[in-house]
Amino acid sequence: MTKPAPSPEDDPYADRRVYPRVPVALPAFLQAGGVRHHVHLLDLSAGGAKLTCAKQLASGTPVILDCGIIGRAATVRWQNGDTLGLSFDVQLDALDVAALTARSQALQLWMKHGDK
């Protein structure tokens, strides 16, 4: 007899995200304390984003994520090394997520094929 999968209540490491994450690869900027930092988006959802950031920022720090076509106020939720998790103050709508995903795909295609 197989054992049933643990429920989120039983598994402290279960993914409890409300919104599904979409992998992206986009350069962006993160403004914290009036200083702008170059970051790289790794994934995003309507409720937040994961990115790389060389600057160490404390959990709870208010920031603004600028992706070029979308700017959004957010709060730092966690940081592990140079990987950072944000929670948006106002969630992205489906069109915003789709636009950023399409931009990421276009950038990857351009980088792969260049000006050929």
PDB file of N, CA and C in Angstrom:
ATOM      1  N   MET A   1       0.843  -1.179   0.000  1.00  0.00           N
ATOM      2  CA  MET A   1       0.000   0.000   0.000  1.00  0.00           C
ATOM      3  C   MET A   1       0.886   1.239   0.000  1.00  0.00           C
ATOM      4  N   THR A   2       0.577   2.156  -0.876  1.00  0.00           N
ATOM      5  CA  THR A   2       1.386   3.369  -0.937  1.00  0.00           C
ATOM      6  C   THR A   2       0.904   4.377   0.091  1.00  0.00           C
ATOM      7  N   LYS A   3       1.849   5.170   0.518  1.00  0.00           N
ATOM      8  CA  LYS A   3       1.581   6.191   1.517  1.00  0.00           C
ATOM      9  C   LYS A   3       1.034   7.436   0.816  1.00  0.00           C
ATOM     10  N   PRO A   4      -0.034   8.061   1.318  1.00  0.00           N
ATOM     11  CA  PRO A   4      -0.550   9.260   0.664  1.00  0.00           C
ATOM     12  C   PRO A   4       0.439  10.418   0.783  1.00  0.00           C
ATOM     13  N   ALA A   5       0.365  11.322  -0.191  1.00  0.00           N
ATOM     14  CA  ALA A   5       1.237  12.496  -0.169  1.00  0.00           C
ATOM     15  C   ALA A   5       0.924  13.326   1.066  1.00  0.00           C
ATOM     16  N   PRO A   6       1.955  13.885   1.701  1.00  0.00           N
ATOM     17  CA  PRO A   6       1.703  14.686   2.898  1.00  0.00           C
ATOM     18  C   PRO A   6       0.921  15.948   2.545  1.00  0.00           C
ATOM     19  N   SER A   7       0.050  16.335   3.428  1.00  0.00           N
ATOM     20  CA  SER A   7      -0.699  17.579   3.224  1.00  0.00           C
ATOM     21  C   SER A   7       0.189  18.740   3.630  1.00  0.00           C
ATOM     22  N   PRO A   8      -0.143  19.968   3.195  1.00  0.00           N
ATOM     23  CA  PRO A   8       0.657  21.131   3.589  1.00  0.00           C
ATOM     24  C   PRO A   8       0.773  21.268   5.104  1.00  0.00           C
ATOM     25  N   GLU A   9      -0.254  20.820   5.833  1.00  0.00           N
ATOM     26  CA  GLU A   9      -0.193  20.898   7.289  1.00  0.00           C
ATOM     27  C   GLU A   9       0.851  19.934   7.852  1.00  0.00           C
ATOM     28  N   ASP A  10       1.043  18.788   7.168  1.00  0.00           N
ATOM     29  CA  ASP A  10       2.002  17.779   7.609  1.00  0.00           C
ATOM     30  C   ASP A  10       3.424  18.083   7.144  1.00  0.00           C
ATOM     31  N   ASP A  11       3.556  18.797   6.049  1.00  0.00           N
ATOM     32  CA  ASP A  11       4.854  19.049   5.439  1.00  0.00           C
ATOM     33  C   ASP A  11       5.234  20.519   5.597  1.00  0.00           C
ATOM     34  N   PRO A  12       6.162  20.846   6.498  1.00  0.00           N
ATOM     35  CA  PRO A  12       6.526  22.250   6.698  1.00  0.00           C
ATOM     36  C   PRO A  12       7.219  22.863   5.490  1.00  0.00           C
ATOM     37  N   TYR A  13       7.679  22.026   4.537  1.00  0.00           N
ATOM     38  CA  TYR A  13       8.371  22.540   3.361  1.00  0.00           C
ATOM     39  C   TYR A  13       7.472  22.588   2.131  1.00  0.00           C
ATOM     40  N   ALA A  14       6.189  22.319   2.291  1.00  0.00           N
ATOM     41  CA  ALA A  14       5.264  22.338   1.160  1.00  0.00           C
ATOM     42  C   ALA A  14       5.160  23.751   0.587  1.00  0.00           C
ATOM     43  N   ASP A  15       4.963  23.820  -0.712  1.00  0.00           N
ATOM     44  CA  ASP A  15       4.811  25.111  -1.384  1.00  0.00           C
ATOM     45  C   ASP A  15       3.411  25.625  -1.112  1.00  0.00           C
ATOM     46  N   ARG A  16       3.320  26.732  -0.401  1.00  0.00           N
ATOM     47  CA  ARG A  16       2.021  27.283  -0.026  1.00  0.00           C
ATOM     48  C   ARG A  16       1.686  28.559  -0.805  1.00  0.00           C
ATOM     49  N   ARG A  17       2.310  28.749  -1.942  1.00  0.00           N
ATOM     50  CA  ARG A  17       2.044  29.950  -2.719  1.00  0.00           C
ATOM     51  C   ARG A  17       0.602  29.963  -3.205  1.00  0.00           C
ATOM     52  N   VAL A  18       0.013  31.134  -3.187  1.00  0.00           N
ATOM     53  CA  VAL A  18      -1.346  31.312  -3.668  1.00  0.00           C
ATOM     54  C   VAL A  18      -1.350  31.399  -5.190  1.00  0.00           C
ATOM     55  N   TYR A  19      -0.316  32.007  -5.771  1.00  0.00           N
ATOM     56  CA  TYR A  19      -0.241  32.238  -7.211  1.00  0.00           C
ATOM     57  C   TYR A  19       0.849  31.368  -7.824  1.00  0.00           C
ATOM     58  N   PRO A  20       0.582  30.778  -8.992  1.00  0.00           N
ATOM     59  CA  PRO A  20       1.621  29.970  -9.642  1.00  0.00           C
ATOM     60  C   PRO A  20       2.767  30.850 -10.147  1.00  0.00           C
ATOM     61  N   ARG A  21       3.981  30.340 -10.037  1.00  0.00           N
ATOM     62  CA  ARG A  21       5.176  31.049 -10.508  1.00  0.00           C
ATOM     63  C   ARG A  21       5.422  30.745 -11.974  1.00  0.00           C
ATOM     64  N   VAL A  22       5.900  31.767 -12.695  1.00  0.00           N
ATOM     65  CA  VAL A  22       6.250  31.631 -14.104  1.00  0.00           C
ATOM     66  C   VAL A  22       7.736  31.951 -14.231  1.00  0.00           C
ATOM     67  N   PRO A  23       8.531  31.019 -14.775  1.00  0.00           N
ATOM     68  CA  PRO A  23       9.952  31.330 -14.938  1.00  0.00           C
ATOM     69  C   PRO A  23      10.152  32.422 -15.985  1.00  0.00           C
ATOM     70  N   VAL A  24      11.017  33.371 -15.666  1.00  0.00           N
ATOM     71  CA  VAL A  24      11.387  34.446 -16.588  1.00  0.00           C
ATOM     72  C   VAL A  24      12.882  34.686 -16.456  1.00  0.00           C
ATOM     73  N   ALA A  25      13.432  35.417 -17.382  1.00  0.00           N
ATOM     74  CA  ALA A  25      14.845  35.820 -17.326  1.00  0.00           C
ATOM     75  C   ALA A  25      14.906  37.236 -17.864  1.00  0.00           C
ATOM     76  N   LEU A  26      14.799  38.196 -16.942  1.00  0.00           N
ATOM     77  CA  LEU A  26      14.753  39.599 -17.353  1.00  0.00           C
ATOM     78  C   LEU A  26      15.624  40.464 -16.472  1.00  0.00           C
ATOM     79  N   PRO A  27      16.376  41.383 -17.078  1.00  0.00           N
ATOM     80  CA  PRO A  27      17.067  42.389 -16.272  1.00  0.00           C
ATOM     81  C   PRO A  27      16.036  43.385 -15.754  1.00  0.00           C
ATOM     82  N   ALA A  28      16.282  43.932 -14.577  1.00  0.00           N
ATOM     83  CA  ALA A  28      15.366  44.908 -13.983  1.00  0.00           C
ATOM     84  C   ALA A  28      16.146  45.760 -12.987  1.00  0.00           C
ATOM     85  N   PHE A  29      15.450  46.682 -12.351  1.00  0.00           N
ATOM     86  CA  PHE A  29      16.031  47.494 -11.293  1.00  0.00           C
ATOM     87  C   PHE A  29      15.171  47.378 -10.050  1.00  0.00           C
ATOM     88  N   LEU A  30      15.833  47.445  -8.909  1.00  0.00           N
ATOM     89  CA  LEU A  30      15.159  47.424  -7.620  1.00  0.00           C
ATOM     90  C   LEU A  30      15.599  48.661  -6.866  1.00  0.00           C
ATOM     91  N   GLN A  31      14.630  49.498  -6.510  1.00  0.00           N
ATOM     92  CA  GLN A  31      14.947  50.700  -5.751  1.00  0.00           C
ATOM     93  C   GLN A  31      14.638  50.438  -4.283  1.00  0.00           C
ATOM     94  N   ALA A  32      15.648  50.655  -3.441  1.00  0.00           N
ATOM     95  CA  ALA A  32      15.500  50.468  -1.997  1.00  0.00           C
ATOM     96  C   ALA A  32      16.208  51.614  -1.291  1.00  0.00           C
ATOM     97  N   GLY A  33      15.492  52.317  -0.443  1.00  0.00           N
ATOM     98  CA  GLY A  33      16.097  53.424   0.286  1.00  0.00           C
ATOM     99  C   GLY A  33      16.634  54.510  -0.617  1.00  0.00           C
ATOM    100  N   GLY A  34      15.990  54.734  -1.763  1.00  0.00           N
ATOM    101  CA  GLY A  34      16.435  55.770  -2.685  1.00  0.00           C
ATOM    102  C   GLY A  34      17.601  55.375  -3.575  1.00  0.00           C
ATOM    103  N   VAL A  35      18.096  54.153  -3.434  1.00  0.00           N
ATOM    104  CA  VAL A  35      19.222  53.673  -4.245  1.00  0.00           C
ATOM    105  C   VAL A  35      18.707  52.612  -5.213  1.00  0.00           C
ATOM    106  N   ARG A  36      19.135  52.722  -6.472  1.00  0.00           N
ATOM    107  CA  ARG A  36      18.710  51.797  -7.522  1.00  0.00           C
ATOM    108  C   ARG A  36      19.759  50.703  -7.701  1.00  0.00           C
ATOM    109  N   HIS A  37      19.310  49.446  -7.703  1.00  0.00           N
ATOM    110  CA  HIS A  37      20.210  48.290  -7.836  1.00  0.00           C
ATOM    111  C   HIS A  37      19.812  47.491  -9.079  1.00  0.00           C
ATOM    112  N   HIS A  38      20.812  47.051  -9.836  1.00  0.00           N
ATOM    113  CA  HIS A  38      20.560  46.171 -10.975  1.00  0.00           C
ATOM    114  C   HIS A  38      20.236  44.783 -10.431  1.00  0.00           C
ATOM    115  N   VAL A  39      19.136  44.196 -10.914  1.00  0.00           N
ATOM    116  CA  VAL A  39      18.722  42.859 -10.502  1.00  0.00           C
ATOM    117  C   VAL A  39      18.370  42.047 -11.742  1.00  0.00           C
ATOM    118  N   HIS A  40      18.128  40.771 -11.542  1.00  0.00           N
ATOM    119  CA  HIS A  40      17.730  39.888 -12.631  1.00  0.00           C
ATOM    120  C   HIS A  40      16.550  39.054 -12.144  1.00  0.00           C
ATOM    121  N   LEU A  41      15.397  39.194 -12.813  1.00  0.00           N
ATOM    122  CA  LEU A  41      14.205  38.417 -12.444  1.00  0.00           C
ATOM    123  C   LEU A  41      14.380  36.961 -12.838  1.00  0.00           C
ATOM    124  N   LEU A  42      14.046  36.066 -11.921  1.00  0.00           N
ATOM    125  CA  LEU A  42      14.130  34.624 -12.165  1.00  0.00           C
ATOM    126  C   LEU A  42      12.757  34.001 -12.362  1.00  0.00           C
ATOM    127  N   ASP A  43      11.798  34.439 -11.556  1.00  0.00           N
ATOM    128  CA  ASP A  43      10.418  34.013 -11.749  1.00  0.00           C
ATOM    129  C   ASP A  43       9.485  35.053 -11.162  1.00  0.00           C
ATOM    130  N   LEU A  44       8.222  34.944 -11.550  1.00  0.00           N
ATOM    131  CA  LEU A  44       7.268  35.891 -11.036  1.00  0.00           C
ATOM    132  C   LEU A  44       5.883  35.305 -11.039  1.00  0.00           C
ATOM    133  N   SER A  45       5.024  35.891 -10.230  1.00  0.00           N
ATOM    134  CA  SER A  45       3.619  35.531 -10.165  1.00  0.00           C
ATOM    135  C   SER A  45       2.841  36.812  -9.947  1.00  0.00           C
ATOM    136  N   ALA A  46       1.544  36.699  -9.870  1.00  0.00           N
ATOM    137  CA  ALA A  46       0.720  37.880  -9.604  1.00  0.00           C
ATOM    138  C   ALA A  46       1.057  38.486  -8.243  1.00  0.00           C
ATOM    139  N   GLY A  47       1.504  37.655  -7.310  1.00  0.00           N
ATOM    140  CA  GLY A  47       1.749  38.130  -5.949  1.00  0.00           C
ATOM    141  C   GLY A  47       3.173  38.481  -5.598  1.00  0.00           C
ATOM    142  N   GLY A  48       4.146  38.097  -6.425  1.00  0.00           N
ATOM    143  CA  GLY A  48       5.528  38.377  -6.058  1.00  0.00           C
ATOM    144  C   GLY A  48       6.517  37.932  -7.114  1.00  0.00           C
ATOM    145  N   ALA A  49       7.793  37.987  -6.747  1.00  0.00           N
ATOM    146  CA  ALA A  49       8.853  37.648  -7.693  1.00  0.00           C
ATOM    147  C   ALA A  49      10.077  37.128  -6.947  1.00  0.00           C
ATOM    148  N   LYS A  50      10.861  36.328  -7.662  1.00  0.00           N
ATOM    149  CA  LYS A  50      12.169  35.892  -7.172  1.00  0.00           C
ATOM    150  C   LYS A  50      13.195  36.481  -8.121  1.00  0.00           C
ATOM    151  N   LEU A  51      14.281  37.019  -7.558  1.00  0.00           N
ATOM    152  CA  LEU A  51      15.293  37.663  -8.374  1.00  0.00           C
ATOM    153  C   LEU A  51      16.662  37.540  -7.729  1.00  0.00           C
ATOM    154  N   THR A  52      17.676  37.829  -8.514  1.00  0.00           N
ATOM    155  CA  THR A  52      19.024  37.907  -7.966  1.00  0.00           C
ATOM    156  C   THR A  52      19.336  39.368  -7.715  1.00  0.00           C
ATOM    157  N   CYS A  53      19.987  39.624  -6.581  1.00  0.00           N
ATOM    158  CA  CYS A  53      20.331  40.988  -6.183  1.00  0.00           C
ATOM    159  C   CYS A  53      21.593  40.918  -5.333  1.00  0.00           C
ATOM    160  N   ALA A  54      22.632  41.619  -5.744  1.00  0.00           N
ATOM    161  CA  ALA A  54      23.897  41.597  -5.002  1.00  0.00           C
ATOM    162  C   ALA A  54      23.790  42.322  -3.663  1.00  0.00           C
ATOM    163  N   LYS A  55      22.884  43.275  -3.559  1.00  0.00           N
ATOM    164  CA  LYS A  55      22.708  44.051  -2.326  1.00  0.00           C
ATOM    165  C   LYS A  55      21.934  43.230  -1.300  1.00  0.00           C
ATOM    166  N   GLN A  56      22.422  43.193  -0.079  1.00  0.00           N
ATOM    167  CA  GLN A  56      21.705  42.508   0.998  1.00  0.00           C
ATOM    168  C   GLN A  56      20.633  43.437   1.556  1.00  0.00           C
ATOM    169  N   LEU A  57      19.391  42.979   1.535  1.00  0.00           N
ATOM    170  CA  LEU A  57      18.260  43.769   2.023  1.00  0.00           C
ATOM    171  C   LEU A  57      17.512  42.974   3.086  1.00  0.00           C
ATOM    172  N   ALA A  58      17.184  43.629   4.175  1.00  0.00           N
ATOM    173  CA  ALA A  58      16.495  42.960   5.273  1.00  0.00           C
ATOM    174  C   ALA A  58      15.058  42.631   4.897  1.00  0.00           C
ATOM    175  N   SER A  59      14.577  41.543   5.445  1.00  0.00           N
ATOM    176  CA  SER A  59      13.177  41.179   5.296  1.00  0.00           C
ATOM    177  C   SER A  59      12.322  42.326   5.815  1.00  0.00           C
ATOM    178  N   GLY A  60      11.275  42.682   5.069  1.00  0.00           N
ATOM    179  CA  GLY A  60      10.413  43.788   5.452  1.00  0.00           C
ATOM    180  C   GLY A  60      10.776  45.112   4.800  1.00  0.00           C
ATOM    181  N   THR A  61      11.899  45.167   4.077  1.00  0.00           N
ATOM    182  CA  THR A  61      12.317  46.399   3.406  1.00  0.00           C
ATOM    183  C   THR A  61      11.362  46.729   2.264  1.00  0.00           C
ATOM    184  N   PRO A  62      10.812  47.949   2.249  1.00  0.00           N
ATOM    185  CA  PRO A  62       9.972  48.342   1.110  1.00  0.00           C
ATOM    186  C   PRO A  62      10.854  48.670  -0.098  1.00  0.00           C
ATOM    187  N   VAL A  63      10.437  48.216  -1.283  1.00  0.00           N
ATOM    188  CA  VAL A  63      11.207  48.410  -2.506  1.00  0.00           C
ATOM    189  C   VAL A  63      10.255  48.735  -3.657  1.00  0.00           C
ATOM    190  N   ILE A  64      10.832  49.143  -4.765  1.00  0.00           N
ATOM    191  CA  ILE A  64      10.089  49.295  -6.013  1.00  0.00           C
ATOM    192  C   ILE A  64      10.829  48.484  -7.066  1.00  0.00           C
ATOM    193  N   LEU A  65      10.128  47.559  -7.698  1.00  0.00           N
ATOM    194  CA  LEU A  65      10.688  46.753  -8.771  1.00  0.00           C
ATOM    195  C   LEU A  65      10.317  47.403 -10.092  1.00  0.00           C
ATOM    196  N   ASP A  66      11.318  47.738 -10.894  1.00  0.00           N
ATOM    197  CA  ASP A  66      11.122  48.371 -12.191  1.00  0.00           C
ATOM    198  C   ASP A  66      11.570  47.404 -13.278  1.00  0.00           C
ATOM    199  N   CYS A  67      10.600  46.876 -14.013  1.00  0.00           N
ATOM    200  CA  CYS A  67      10.887  45.911 -15.073  1.00  0.00           C
ATOM    201  C   CYS A  67      10.866  46.559 -16.453  1.00  0.00           C
ATOM    202  N   GLY A  68      10.897  47.874 -16.503  1.00  0.00           N
ATOM    203  CA  GLY A  68      10.857  48.576 -17.779  1.00  0.00           C
ATOM    204  C   GLY A  68       9.432  48.878 -18.196  1.00  0.00           C
ATOM    205  N   ILE A  69       8.618  47.863 -18.383  1.00  0.00           N
ATOM    206  CA  ILE A  69       7.231  48.083 -18.786  1.00  0.00           C
ATOM    207  C   ILE A  69       6.282  48.102 -17.590  1.00  0.00           C
ATOM    208  N   ILE A  70       6.769  47.651 -16.454  1.00  0.00           N
ATOM    209  CA  ILE A  70       5.942  47.600 -15.242  1.00  0.00           C
ATOM    210  C   ILE A  70       6.786  48.001 -14.045  1.00  0.00           C
ATOM    211  N   GLY A  71       6.257  48.879 -13.239  1.00  0.00           N
ATOM    212  CA  GLY A  71       6.880  49.223 -11.965  1.00  0.00           C
ATOM    213  C   GLY A  71       5.912  48.836 -10.858  1.00  0.00           C
ATOM    214  N   ARG A  72       6.423  48.256  -9.774  1.00  0.00           N
ATOM    215  CA  ARG A  72       5.529  47.785  -8.724  1.00  0.00           C
ATOM    216  C   ARG A  72       6.198  47.917  -7.371  1.00  0.00           C
ATOM    217  N   ALA A  73       5.470  48.505  -6.411  1.00  0.00           N
ATOM    218  CA  ALA A  73       5.932  48.553  -5.025  1.00  0.00           C
ATOM    219  C   ALA A  73       5.829  47.147  -4.442  1.00  0.00           C
ATOM    220  N   ALA A  74       6.806  46.802  -3.613  1.00  0.00           N
ATOM    221  CA  ALA A  74       6.852  45.463  -3.040  1.00  0.00           C
ATOM    222  C   ALA A  74       7.570  45.508  -1.701  1.00  0.00           C
ATOM    223  N   THR A  75       7.593  44.363  -1.045  1.00  0.00           N
ATOM    224  CA  THR A  75       8.283  44.206   0.225  1.00  0.00           C
ATOM    225  C   THR A  75       9.192  42.987   0.134  1.00  0.00           C
ATOM    226  N   VAL A  76      10.422  43.112   0.621  1.00  0.00           N
ATOM    227  CA  VAL A  76      11.338  41.971   0.662  1.00  0.00           C
ATOM    228  C   VAL A  76      10.795  40.980   1.682  1.00  0.00           C
ATOM    229  N   ARG A  77      10.616  39.738   1.276  1.00  0.00           N
ATOM    230  CA  ARG A  77      10.131  38.681   2.174  1.00  0.00           C
ATOM    231  C   ARG A  77      11.264  37.805   2.699  1.00  0.00           C
ATOM    232  N   TRP A  78      12.262  37.571   1.852  1.00  0.00           N
ATOM    233  CA  TRP A  78      13.398  36.742   2.262  1.00  0.00           C
ATOM    234  C   TRP A  78      14.574  37.015   1.332  1.00  0.00           C
ATOM    235  N   GLN A  79      15.764  36.669   1.814  1.00  0.00           N
ATOM    236  CA  GLN A  79      16.958  36.715   0.977  1.00  0.00           C
ATOM    237  C   GLN A  79      17.877  35.591   1.420  1.00  0.00           C
ATOM    238  N   ASN A  80      18.387  34.848   0.453  1.00  0.00           N
ATOM    239  CA  ASN A  80      19.318  33.754   0.696  1.00  0.00           C
ATOM    240  C   ASN A  80      20.480  33.952  -0.267  1.00  0.00           C
ATOM    241  N   GLY A  81      21.593  34.461   0.242  1.00  0.00           N
ATOM    242  CA  GLY A  81      22.718  34.794  -0.631  1.00  0.00           C
ATOM    243  C   GLY A  81      22.317  35.946  -1.518  1.00  0.00           C
ATOM    244  N   ASP A  82      22.430  35.747  -2.839  1.00  0.00           N
ATOM    245  CA  ASP A  82      22.034  36.817  -3.752  1.00  0.00           C
ATOM    246  C   ASP A  82      20.644  36.589  -4.357  1.00  0.00           C
ATOM    247  N   THR A  83      19.899  35.627  -3.825  1.00  0.00           N
ATOM    248  CA  THR A  83      18.536  35.373  -4.285  1.00  0.00           C
ATOM    249  C   THR A  83      17.554  35.987  -3.301  1.00  0.00           C
ATOM    250  N   LEU A  84      16.575  36.713  -3.837  1.00  0.00           N
ATOM    251  CA  LEU A  84      15.674  37.527  -3.033  1.00  0.00           C
ATOM    252  C   LEU A  84      14.235  37.242  -3.430  1.00  0.00           C
ATOM    253  N   GLY A  85      13.336  37.202  -2.452  1.00  0.00           N
ATOM    254  CA  GLY A  85      11.914  37.028  -2.714  1.00  0.00           C
ATOM    255  C   GLY A  85      11.141  38.280  -2.349  1.00  0.00           C
ATOM    256  N   LEU A  86      10.272  38.707  -3.249  1.00  0.00           N
ATOM    257  CA  LEU A  86       9.452  39.900  -3.034  1.00  0.00           C
ATOM    258  C   LEU A  86       7.977  39.530  -3.000  1.00  0.00           C
ATOM    259  N   SER A  87       7.226  40.301  -2.251  1.00  0.00           N
ATOM    260  CA  SER A  87       5.771  40.225  -2.251  1.00  0.00           C
ATOM    261  C   SER A  87       5.262  41.586  -2.720  1.00  0.00           C
ATOM    262  N   PHE A  88       4.477  41.600  -3.807  1.00  0.00           N
ATOM    263  CA  PHE A  88       3.974  42.858  -4.343  1.00  0.00           C
ATOM    264  C   PHE A  88       2.918  43.446  -3.412  1.00  0.00           C
ATOM    265  N   ASP A  89       2.936  44.777  -3.276  1.00  0.00           N
ATOM    266  CA  ASP A  89       1.923  45.456  -2.468  1.00  0.00           C
ATOM    267  C   ASP A  89       0.549  45.354  -3.126  1.00  0.00           C
ATOM    268  N   VAL A  90       0.512  45.438  -4.446  1.00  0.00           N
ATOM    269  CA  VAL A  90      -0.706  45.257  -5.238  1.00  0.00           C
ATOM    270  C   VAL A  90      -0.375  44.217  -6.296  1.00  0.00           C
ATOM    271  N   GLN A  91      -1.161  43.148  -6.338  1.00  0.00           N
ATOM    272  CA  GLN A  91      -0.820  42.059  -7.247  1.00  0.00           C
ATOM    273  C   GLN A  91      -0.851  42.481  -8.706  1.00  0.00           C
ATOM    274  N   LEU A  92      -0.048  41.795  -9.513  1.00  0.00           N
ATOM    275  CA  LEU A  92      -0.065  41.988 -10.957  1.00  0.00           C
ATOM    276  C   LEU A  92      -1.314  41.331 -11.515  1.00  0.00           C
ATOM    277  N   ASP A  93      -1.873  41.900 -12.572  1.00  0.00           N
ATOM    278  CA  ASP A  93      -2.987  41.207 -13.215  1.00  0.00           C
ATOM    279  C   ASP A  93      -2.421  40.234 -14.255  1.00  0.00           C
ATOM    280  N   ALA A  94      -3.284  39.406 -14.800  1.00  0.00           N
ATOM    281  CA  ALA A  94      -2.854  38.375 -15.746  1.00  0.00           C
ATOM    282  C   ALA A  94      -2.172  38.981 -16.972  1.00  0.00           C
ATOM    283  N   LEU A  95      -2.621  40.156 -17.419  1.00  0.00           N
ATOM    284  CA  LEU A  95      -1.997  40.799 -18.582  1.00  0.00           C
ATOM    285  C   LEU A  95      -0.566  41.240 -18.285  1.00  0.00           C
ATOM    286  N   ASP A  96      -0.313  41.729 -17.069  1.00  0.00           N
ATOM    287  CA  ASP A  96       1.046  42.116 -16.675  1.00  0.00           C
ATOM    288  C   ASP A  96       1.972  40.904 -16.666  1.00  0.00           C
ATOM    289  N   VAL A  97       1.509  39.814 -16.078  1.00  0.00           N
ATOM    290  CA  VAL A  97       2.316  38.587 -16.024  1.00  0.00           C
ATOM    291  C   VAL A  97       2.590  38.093 -17.442  1.00  0.00           C
ATOM    292  N   ALA A  98       1.566  38.100 -18.290  1.00  0.00           N
ATOM    293  CA  ALA A  98       1.732  37.651 -19.677  1.00  0.00           C
ATOM    294  C   ALA A  98       2.707  38.553 -20.439  1.00  0.00           C
ATOM    295  N   ALA A  99       2.635  39.876 -20.217  1.00  0.00           N
ATOM    296  CA  ALA A  99       3.532  40.807 -20.907  1.00  0.00           C
ATOM    297  C   ALA A  99       4.981  40.572 -20.504  1.00  0.00           C
ATOM    298  N   LEU A 100       5.226  40.370 -19.218  1.00  0.00           N
ATOM    299  CA  LEU A 100       6.598  40.128 -18.758  1.00  0.00           C
ATOM    300  C   LEU A 100       7.108  38.776 -19.240  1.00  0.00           C
ATOM    301  N   THR A 101       6.239  37.778 -19.271  1.00  0.00           N
ATOM    302  CA  THR A 101       6.633  36.461 -19.772  1.00  0.00           C
ATOM    303  C   THR A 101       6.989  36.547 -21.254  1.00  0.00           C
ATOM    304  N   ALA A 102       6.172  37.238 -22.038  1.00  0.00           N
ATOM    305  CA  ALA A 102       6.442  37.405 -23.475  1.00  0.00           C
ATOM    306  C   ALA A 102       7.734  38.186 -23.693  1.00  0.00           C
ATOM    307  N   ARG A 103       7.962  39.201 -22.882  1.00  0.00           N
ATOM    308  CA  ARG A 103       9.207  39.983 -22.995  1.00  0.00           C
ATOM    309  C   ARG A 103      10.418  39.113 -22.710  1.00  0.00           C
ATOM    310  N   SER A 104      10.312  38.265 -21.693  1.00  0.00           N
ATOM    311  CA  SER A 104      11.409  37.354 -21.358  1.00  0.00           C
ATOM    312  C   SER A 104      11.680  36.387 -22.505  1.00  0.00           C
ATOM    313  N   GLN A 105      10.621  35.835 -23.080  1.00  0.00           N
ATOM    314  CA  GLN A 105      10.787  34.893 -24.192  1.00  0.00           C
ATOM    315  C   GLN A 105      11.397  35.579 -25.402  1.00  0.00           C
ATOM    316  N   ALA A 106      10.975  36.805 -25.690  1.00  0.00           N
ATOM    317  CA  ALA A 106      11.533  37.553 -26.824  1.00  0.00           C
ATOM    318  C   ALA A 106      13.010  37.852 -26.600  1.00  0.00           C
ATOM    319  N   LEU A 107      13.362  38.227 -25.380  1.00  0.00           N
ATOM    320  CA  LEU A 107      14.764  38.516 -25.063  1.00  0.00           C
ATOM    321  C   LEU A 107      15.619  37.263 -25.206  1.00  0.00           C
ATOM    322  N   GLN A 108      15.126  36.130 -24.728  1.00  0.00           N
ATOM    323  CA  GLN A 108      15.877  34.880 -24.857  1.00  0.00           C
ATOM    324  C   GLN A 108      16.064  34.504 -26.319  1.00  0.00           C
ATOM    325  N   LEU A 109      15.025  34.682 -27.129  1.00  0.00           N
ATOM    326  CA  LEU A 109      15.115  34.374 -28.559  1.00  0.00           C
ATOM    327  C   LEU A 109      16.120  35.300 -29.233  1.00  0.00           C
ATOM    328  N   TRP A 110      16.072  36.590 -28.903  1.00  0.00           N
ATOM    329  CA  TRP A 110      17.008  37.543 -29.478  1.00  0.00           C
ATOM    330  C   TRP A 110      18.449  37.201 -29.089  1.00  0.00           C
ATOM    331  N   MET A 111      18.667  36.832 -27.826  1.00  0.00           N
ATOM    332  CA  MET A 111      20.011  36.486 -27.378  1.00  0.00           C
ATOM    333  C   MET A 111      20.514  35.213 -28.070  1.00  0.00           C
ATOM    334  N   LYS A 112      19.608  34.303 -28.349  1.00  0.00           N
ATOM    335  CA  LYS A 112      19.998  33.051 -29.006  1.00  0.00           C
ATOM    336  C   LYS A 112      20.349  33.281 -30.467  1.00  0.00           C
ATOM    337  N   HIS A 113      19.565  34.133 -31.155  1.00  0.00           N
ATOM    338  CA  HIS A 113      19.750  34.306 -32.594  1.00  0.00           C
ATOM    339  C   HIS A 113      20.389  35.636 -32.976  1.00  0.00           C
ATOM    340  N   GLY A 114      20.421  36.585 -32.067  1.00  0.00           N
ATOM    341  CA  GLY A 114      21.032  37.879 -32.356  1.00  0.00           C
ATOM    342  C   GLY A 114      20.411  38.563 -33.542  1.00  0.00           C
ATOM    343  N   ASP A 115      21.229  39.202 -34.338  1.00  0.00           N
ATOM    344  CA  ASP A 115      20.749  39.967 -35.508  1.00  0.00           C
ATOM    345  C   ASP A 115      20.828  39.149 -36.798  1.00  0.00           C
ATOM    346  N   LYS A 116      20.728  37.844 -36.719  1.00  0.00           N
ATOM    347  CA  LYS A 116      20.832  36.986 -37.919  1.00  0.00           C
ATOM    348  C   LYS A 116      19.713  37.222 -38.866  1.00  0.00           C
TER     349      LYS A 116
END
